[in-house]
Amino acid sequence: MKPNTFNICPTCIFRNTCVLTTQKNQVWSCSEYQEGKAEKQVKPIKTKLKKAQPEMAMA
């Protein structure tokens, strides 16, 4: 029997960060699939967290 060679993973924008399966060679259906190129995936914006300042107290 010839294996199914259809695979949607190579065109999914989440391929590099996908945690749904490690076997990405014969996926034909996925609820998280979004077509596109992985290079154009939107990167999260890094924000700097401000450290909490000590509270000022009056003596």
N, C-alpha and C. Protein backbone atom coordinates (compact mmCIF):
# COMPACT_ATOMS: atom_id res chain seq x y z
N MET A 1 0.84 -1.19 0.00
CA MET A 1 0.00 0.00 0.00
C MET A 1 0.89 1.25 0.00
N LYS A 2 0.58 2.20 -0.88
CA LYS A 2 1.36 3.42 -0.99
C LYS A 2 0.93 4.41 0.10
N PRO A 3 1.87 4.97 0.88
CA PRO A 3 1.50 5.92 1.93
C PRO A 3 1.00 7.24 1.35
N ASN A 4 0.16 7.91 2.09
CA ASN A 4 -0.36 9.21 1.69
C ASN A 4 0.76 10.24 1.79
N THR A 5 1.05 10.94 0.70
CA THR A 5 2.13 11.91 0.70
C THR A 5 1.64 13.35 0.89
N PHE A 6 0.33 13.55 1.03
CA PHE A 6 -0.21 14.88 1.23
C PHE A 6 0.15 15.36 2.63
N ASN A 7 0.63 16.60 2.73
CA ASN A 7 1.06 17.13 4.03
C ASN A 7 0.84 18.63 4.05
N ILE A 8 0.14 19.14 5.07
CA ILE A 8 -0.12 20.58 5.16
C ILE A 8 0.91 21.31 6.01
N CYS A 9 1.70 20.61 6.78
CA CYS A 9 2.66 21.27 7.68
C CYS A 9 3.67 22.20 7.00
N PRO A 10 4.22 21.86 5.85
CA PRO A 10 5.22 22.76 5.25
C PRO A 10 4.69 24.16 4.93
N THR A 11 3.37 24.31 4.75
CA THR A 11 2.82 25.62 4.41
C THR A 11 2.15 26.30 5.60
N CYS A 12 2.26 25.74 6.78
CA CYS A 12 1.64 26.31 7.98
C CYS A 12 2.56 27.33 8.64
N ILE A 13 1.99 28.46 9.05
CA ILE A 13 2.81 29.50 9.68
C ILE A 13 3.27 29.11 11.08
N PHE A 14 2.66 28.08 11.67
CA PHE A 14 3.01 27.66 13.02
C PHE A 14 3.95 26.45 13.05
N ARG A 15 4.50 26.05 11.90
CA ARG A 15 5.32 24.84 11.82
C ARG A 15 6.46 24.83 12.84
N ASN A 16 7.18 25.92 12.97
CA ASN A 16 8.36 25.94 13.86
C ASN A 16 8.00 25.93 15.34
N THR A 17 6.81 26.36 15.69
CA THR A 17 6.43 26.43 17.10
C THR A 17 5.32 25.46 17.46
N CYS A 18 4.93 24.60 16.54
CA CYS A 18 3.82 23.67 16.75
C CYS A 18 4.14 22.64 17.83
N VAL A 19 3.20 22.47 18.75
CA VAL A 19 3.35 21.47 19.79
C VAL A 19 2.27 20.40 19.70
N LEU A 20 1.45 20.46 18.65
CA LEU A 20 0.36 19.50 18.50
C LEU A 20 0.87 18.12 18.10
N THR A 21 1.92 18.08 17.31
CA THR A 21 2.50 16.79 16.92
C THR A 21 3.98 16.97 16.59
N THR A 22 4.75 15.94 16.86
CA THR A 22 6.16 15.96 16.46
C THR A 22 6.33 15.29 15.11
N GLN A 23 5.32 14.51 14.68
CA GLN A 23 5.37 13.81 13.40
C GLN A 23 4.66 14.67 12.35
N LYS A 24 5.42 15.54 11.71
CA LYS A 24 4.85 16.50 10.76
C LYS A 24 5.01 16.04 9.31
N ASN A 25 5.13 14.75 9.07
CA ASN A 25 5.37 14.29 7.71
C ASN A 25 4.11 13.87 6.96
N GLN A 26 2.98 13.61 7.63
CA GLN A 26 1.77 13.20 6.94
C GLN A 26 0.52 13.79 7.60
N VAL A 27 0.54 15.06 7.90
CA VAL A 27 -0.61 15.72 8.51
C VAL A 27 -1.51 16.25 7.41
N TRP A 28 -2.75 15.83 7.38
CA TRP A 28 -3.67 16.27 6.33
C TRP A 28 -4.81 17.12 6.88
N SER A 29 -4.92 17.22 8.21
CA SER A 29 -5.96 18.04 8.83
C SER A 29 -5.45 18.52 10.18
N CYS A 30 -5.73 19.81 10.48
CA CYS A 30 -5.26 20.38 11.74
C CYS A 30 -6.15 21.57 12.10
N SER A 31 -6.61 21.64 13.33
CA SER A 31 -7.49 22.74 13.75
C SER A 31 -6.74 24.05 13.90
N GLU A 32 -5.41 24.00 14.00
CA GLU A 32 -4.61 25.20 14.17
C GLU A 32 -3.96 25.68 12.88
N TYR A 33 -4.20 24.99 11.77
CA TYR A 33 -3.53 25.28 10.50
C TYR A 33 -3.88 26.66 9.96
N GLN A 34 -2.84 27.42 9.60
CA GLN A 34 -3.00 28.69 8.88
C GLN A 34 -1.94 28.71 7.79
N GLU A 35 -2.42 28.86 6.56
CA GLU A 35 -1.51 28.81 5.42
C GLU A 35 -0.65 30.06 5.33
N GLY A 36 0.58 29.87 4.96
CA GLY A 36 1.52 30.97 4.80
C GLY A 36 2.93 30.44 4.88
N LYS A 37 3.88 31.32 4.84
CA LYS A 37 5.28 30.93 4.95
C LYS A 37 5.74 31.23 6.37
N ALA A 38 6.48 30.31 6.95
CA ALA A 38 6.94 30.45 8.32
C ALA A 38 7.83 31.67 8.51
N GLU A 39 8.56 32.09 7.46
CA GLU A 39 9.44 33.24 7.58
C GLU A 39 8.66 34.53 7.86
N LYS A 40 7.43 34.59 7.39
CA LYS A 40 6.64 35.80 7.55
C LYS A 40 5.77 35.78 8.80
N GLN A 41 6.00 34.83 9.68
CA GLN A 41 5.22 34.73 10.90
C GLN A 41 5.47 35.97 11.76
N VAL A 42 4.41 36.50 12.33
CA VAL A 42 4.52 37.69 13.16
C VAL A 42 5.23 37.31 14.45
N LYS A 43 6.29 38.05 14.74
CA LYS A 43 7.03 37.79 15.97
C LYS A 43 6.43 38.58 17.11
N PRO A 44 6.40 37.99 18.31
CA PRO A 44 5.85 38.72 19.44
C PRO A 44 6.70 39.94 19.79
N ILE A 45 6.06 40.98 20.23
CA ILE A 45 6.76 42.21 20.61
C ILE A 45 7.31 42.02 22.02
N LYS A 46 8.60 42.28 22.16
CA LYS A 46 9.23 42.16 23.47
C LYS A 46 9.00 43.44 24.25
N THR A 47 8.56 43.29 25.48
CA THR A 47 8.37 44.46 26.33
C THR A 47 9.23 44.31 27.57
N LYS A 48 9.73 45.41 28.03
CA LYS A 48 10.54 45.39 29.23
C LYS A 48 9.63 45.61 30.43
N LEU A 49 9.77 44.74 31.42
CA LEU A 49 8.99 44.88 32.63
C LEU A 49 9.72 45.80 33.59
N LYS A 50 9.00 46.73 34.15
CA LYS A 50 9.62 47.62 35.11
C LYS A 50 9.68 46.93 36.46
N LYS A 51 10.82 47.09 37.11
CA LYS A 51 10.98 46.50 38.44
C LYS A 51 10.16 47.32 39.43
N ALA A 52 9.60 46.60 40.37
CA ALA A 52 8.80 47.28 41.39
C ALA A 52 9.70 48.18 42.23
N GLN A 53 9.29 49.42 42.40
CA GLN A 53 10.05 50.37 43.20
C GLN A 53 9.62 50.23 44.67
N PRO A 54 10.57 50.36 45.59
CA PRO A 54 10.20 50.28 47.01
C PRO A 54 9.26 51.44 47.37
N GLU A 55 8.34 51.15 48.23
CA GLU A 55 7.37 52.14 48.63
C GLU A 55 8.00 53.16 49.56
N MET A 56 7.73 54.41 49.34
CA MET A 56 8.28 55.47 50.19
C MET A 56 7.39 55.59 51.43
N ALA A 57 8.02 55.73 52.57
CA ALA A 57 7.26 55.85 53.81
C ALA A 57 7.71 57.12 54.53
N MET A 58 6.77 57.77 55.18
CA MET A 58 7.09 58.98 55.94
C MET A 58 7.28 58.59 57.39
N ALA A 59 8.32 59.13 58.01
CA ALA A 59 8.60 58.80 59.39
C ALA A 59 7.97 59.78 60.33
